[in-house]
């Protein structure tokens, strides 16, 4: 009831206003002042979108395969389990997980979370290719999968 009364008063107040379409007379001899108008939008600098260089796919046996497609990046990979998910992180490269259903990217596409039920095989295969790569596997929880690591040709693989 109070809202209706308020709306009626506001409607009546605005309907009684007469809007003028008449132009203001120009006074000669006065200089116009410029008014500073705040900028509402700002142009962004150009940005280069980097392509993901780590891929996650399931092979024909249902194994999860993590591959470095750049061939020379120094990967710092970590594999762990969180509840019913496998979490894989790399501090230097971004992931593409379009090959694994139910997976999610986070941390600037540098972390993938994959439901362990999506991996129907028995292994997680990590192929980090060239570069000086490191792989850390968290053994505090049972991953439920064997981890095979092929570090490539780097000096510290």
Protein backbone atom coordinates (compact mmCIF):
# COMPACT_ATOMS: atom_id res chain seq x y z
CA UNK A 1 0.00 0.00 0.00
CA UNK A 2 2.80 2.41 0.87
CA UNK A 3 4.62 1.55 -2.34
CA UNK A 4 1.52 2.22 -4.42
CA UNK A 5 1.03 5.64 -2.78
CA UNK A 6 4.65 6.53 -3.39
CA UNK A 7 4.43 5.45 -7.05
CA UNK A 8 1.26 7.53 -7.54
CA UNK A 9 2.96 10.61 -6.11
CA UNK A 10 6.07 10.16 -8.25
CA UNK A 11 4.01 9.54 -11.37
CA UNK A 12 1.88 12.62 -10.71
CA UNK A 13 4.94 14.76 -10.05
CA UNK A 14 6.65 13.77 -13.29
CA UNK A 15 3.51 13.92 -15.41
CA UNK A 16 2.91 17.52 -14.35
CA UNK A 17 6.35 18.61 -15.55
CA UNK A 18 6.40 20.34 -18.90
CA UNK A 19 9.36 19.56 -21.04
CA UNK A 20 10.55 22.45 -23.12
CA UNK A 21 11.96 22.01 -26.59
CA UNK A 22 12.81 25.70 -26.83
CA UNK A 23 16.45 26.61 -27.39
CA UNK A 24 18.24 28.91 -25.00
CA UNK A 25 19.10 32.29 -26.44
CA UNK A 26 22.77 32.74 -27.32
CA UNK A 27 24.41 35.61 -25.47
CA UNK A 28 27.02 37.29 -27.62
CA UNK A 29 30.37 38.14 -26.16
CA UNK A 30 30.45 35.34 -23.58
CA UNK A 31 32.93 32.57 -24.01
CA UNK A 32 31.78 29.05 -23.53
CA UNK A 33 33.46 27.12 -20.81
CA UNK A 34 34.50 23.59 -21.54
CA UNK A 35 33.29 21.07 -19.05
CA UNK A 36 35.45 18.12 -18.19
CA UNK A 37 33.55 14.95 -18.95
CA UNK A 38 34.79 11.79 -17.27
CA UNK A 39 35.96 9.13 -19.64
CA UNK A 40 33.64 6.15 -19.35
CA UNK A 41 35.65 3.66 -21.37
CA UNK A 42 39.33 3.25 -21.89
CA UNK A 43 41.02 1.52 -24.79
CA UNK A 44 43.08 -1.52 -23.85
CA UNK A 45 46.57 -2.11 -25.08
CA UNK A 46 47.12 -4.79 -27.68
CA UNK A 47 47.53 -8.25 -26.25
CA UNK A 48 48.92 -11.41 -27.69
CA UNK A 49 47.07 -14.55 -26.76
CA UNK A 50 49.47 -17.40 -26.30
CA UNK A 51 48.52 -20.82 -27.50
CA UNK A 52 48.44 -23.59 -24.93
CA UNK A 53 51.56 -25.74 -25.17
CA UNK A 54 50.49 -28.57 -22.86
CA UNK A 55 47.74 -30.90 -23.98
CA UNK A 56 45.72 -33.40 -22.01
CA UNK A 57 44.01 -36.21 -23.92
CA UNK A 58 42.84 -39.75 -23.33
CA UNK A 59 44.55 -42.37 -25.45
CA UNK A 60 42.85 -45.43 -26.94
CA UNK A 61 43.23 -47.36 -23.67
CA UNK A 62 41.70 -44.56 -21.57
CA UNK A 63 45.05 -43.44 -20.13
CA UNK A 64 45.55 -39.73 -19.49
CA UNK A 65 48.35 -38.36 -21.68
CA UNK A 66 49.94 -34.99 -20.86
CA UNK A 67 52.19 -33.72 -23.69
CA UNK A 68 54.36 -30.65 -24.18
CA UNK A 69 53.73 -29.50 -27.75
CA UNK A 70 56.28 -26.66 -27.67
CA UNK A 71 59.18 -29.09 -27.51
CA UNK A 72 61.51 -26.78 -25.63
CA UNK A 73 59.68 -25.35 -22.60
CA UNK A 74 61.13 -25.99 -19.16
CA UNK A 75 58.08 -27.53 -17.52
CA UNK A 76 57.57 -27.62 -13.75
CA UNK A 77 54.76 -30.18 -13.53
CA UNK A 78 53.01 -31.40 -10.40
CA UNK A 79 50.47 -34.23 -10.17
CA UNK A 80 48.22 -34.76 -7.15
CA UNK A 81 44.82 -36.04 -6.14
CA UNK A 82 42.11 -33.95 -4.50
CA UNK A 83 39.04 -35.96 -3.45
CA UNK A 84 37.81 -37.60 -6.70
CA UNK A 85 39.89 -35.42 -9.01
CA UNK A 86 43.37 -35.54 -10.49
CA UNK A 87 45.02 -32.10 -10.40
CA UNK A 88 47.94 -31.31 -12.69
CA UNK A 89 49.77 -27.98 -12.53
CA UNK A 90 52.57 -26.40 -14.54
CA UNK A 91 54.04 -23.09 -13.42
CA UNK A 92 55.32 -22.10 -16.87
CA UNK A 93 52.93 -23.33 -19.56
CA UNK A 94 49.19 -23.33 -20.24
CA UNK A 95 47.04 -26.42 -20.78
CA UNK A 96 44.53 -27.34 -23.46
CA UNK A 97 42.11 -29.92 -22.10
CA UNK A 98 39.64 -30.11 -24.96
CA UNK A 99 40.44 -33.82 -25.24
CA UNK A 100 39.15 -34.77 -21.76
CA UNK A 101 35.46 -34.43 -20.94
CA UNK A 102 34.58 -33.08 -17.51
CA UNK A 103 37.95 -31.36 -17.06
CA UNK A 104 38.33 -27.78 -15.86
CA UNK A 105 41.04 -25.15 -16.20
CA UNK A 106 42.06 -22.71 -13.47
CA UNK A 107 44.98 -20.51 -12.39
CA UNK A 108 45.37 -18.85 -15.80
CA UNK A 109 44.99 -22.22 -17.59
CA UNK A 110 48.07 -23.52 -15.77
CA UNK A 111 46.10 -26.02 -13.66
CA UNK A 112 43.77 -28.73 -14.88
CA UNK A 113 41.35 -30.66 -12.73
CA UNK A 114 40.14 -33.93 -14.19
CA UNK A 115 37.57 -36.21 -12.57
CA UNK A 116 39.33 -39.52 -11.95
CA UNK A 117 36.24 -41.30 -13.32
CA UNK A 118 37.02 -39.74 -16.74
CA UNK A 119 40.31 -41.67 -16.82
CA UNK A 120 39.27 -45.22 -17.63
CA UNK A 121 42.82 -46.51 -18.11
CA UNK A 122 45.42 -47.33 -15.48
CA UNK A 123 48.11 -44.72 -16.23
CA UNK A 124 48.94 -41.04 -16.38
CA UNK A 125 51.57 -40.61 -19.10
CA UNK A 126 53.61 -37.39 -18.97
CA UNK A 127 55.65 -36.51 -22.06
CA UNK A 128 57.39 -33.21 -21.36
CA UNK A 129 59.67 -33.38 -24.42
CA UNK A 130 62.62 -30.93 -24.59
CA UNK A 131 63.67 -28.33 -22.04
CA UNK A 132 64.85 -28.86 -18.47
CA UNK A 133 61.69 -30.37 -17.00
CA UNK A 134 60.67 -31.44 -13.51
CA UNK A 135 57.76 -33.62 -12.41
CA UNK A 136 56.55 -33.76 -8.80
CA UNK A 137 54.07 -36.46 -7.81
CA UNK A 138 52.27 -36.01 -4.50
CA UNK A 139 52.44 -39.39 -2.78
CA UNK A 140 50.54 -38.25 0.32
CA UNK A 141 47.36 -39.49 -1.32
CA UNK A 142 46.89 -42.52 -3.53
CA UNK A 143 46.54 -41.28 -7.12
CA UNK A 144 44.92 -44.51 -8.19
CA UNK A 145 47.01 -44.48 -11.38
CA UNK A 146 50.56 -45.35 -12.34
CA UNK A 147 52.59 -42.36 -13.55
CA UNK A 148 54.96 -42.83 -16.51
CA UNK A 149 57.29 -39.90 -17.14
CA UNK A 150 59.24 -39.22 -20.33
CA UNK A 151 61.23 -36.06 -19.68
CA UNK A 152 62.71 -35.64 -23.15
CA UNK A 153 66.15 -34.31 -23.96
CA UNK A 154 66.61 -31.54 -21.38
CA UNK A 155 69.57 -31.38 -19.05
CA UNK A 156 67.68 -32.02 -15.78
CA UNK A 157 64.86 -34.36 -16.83
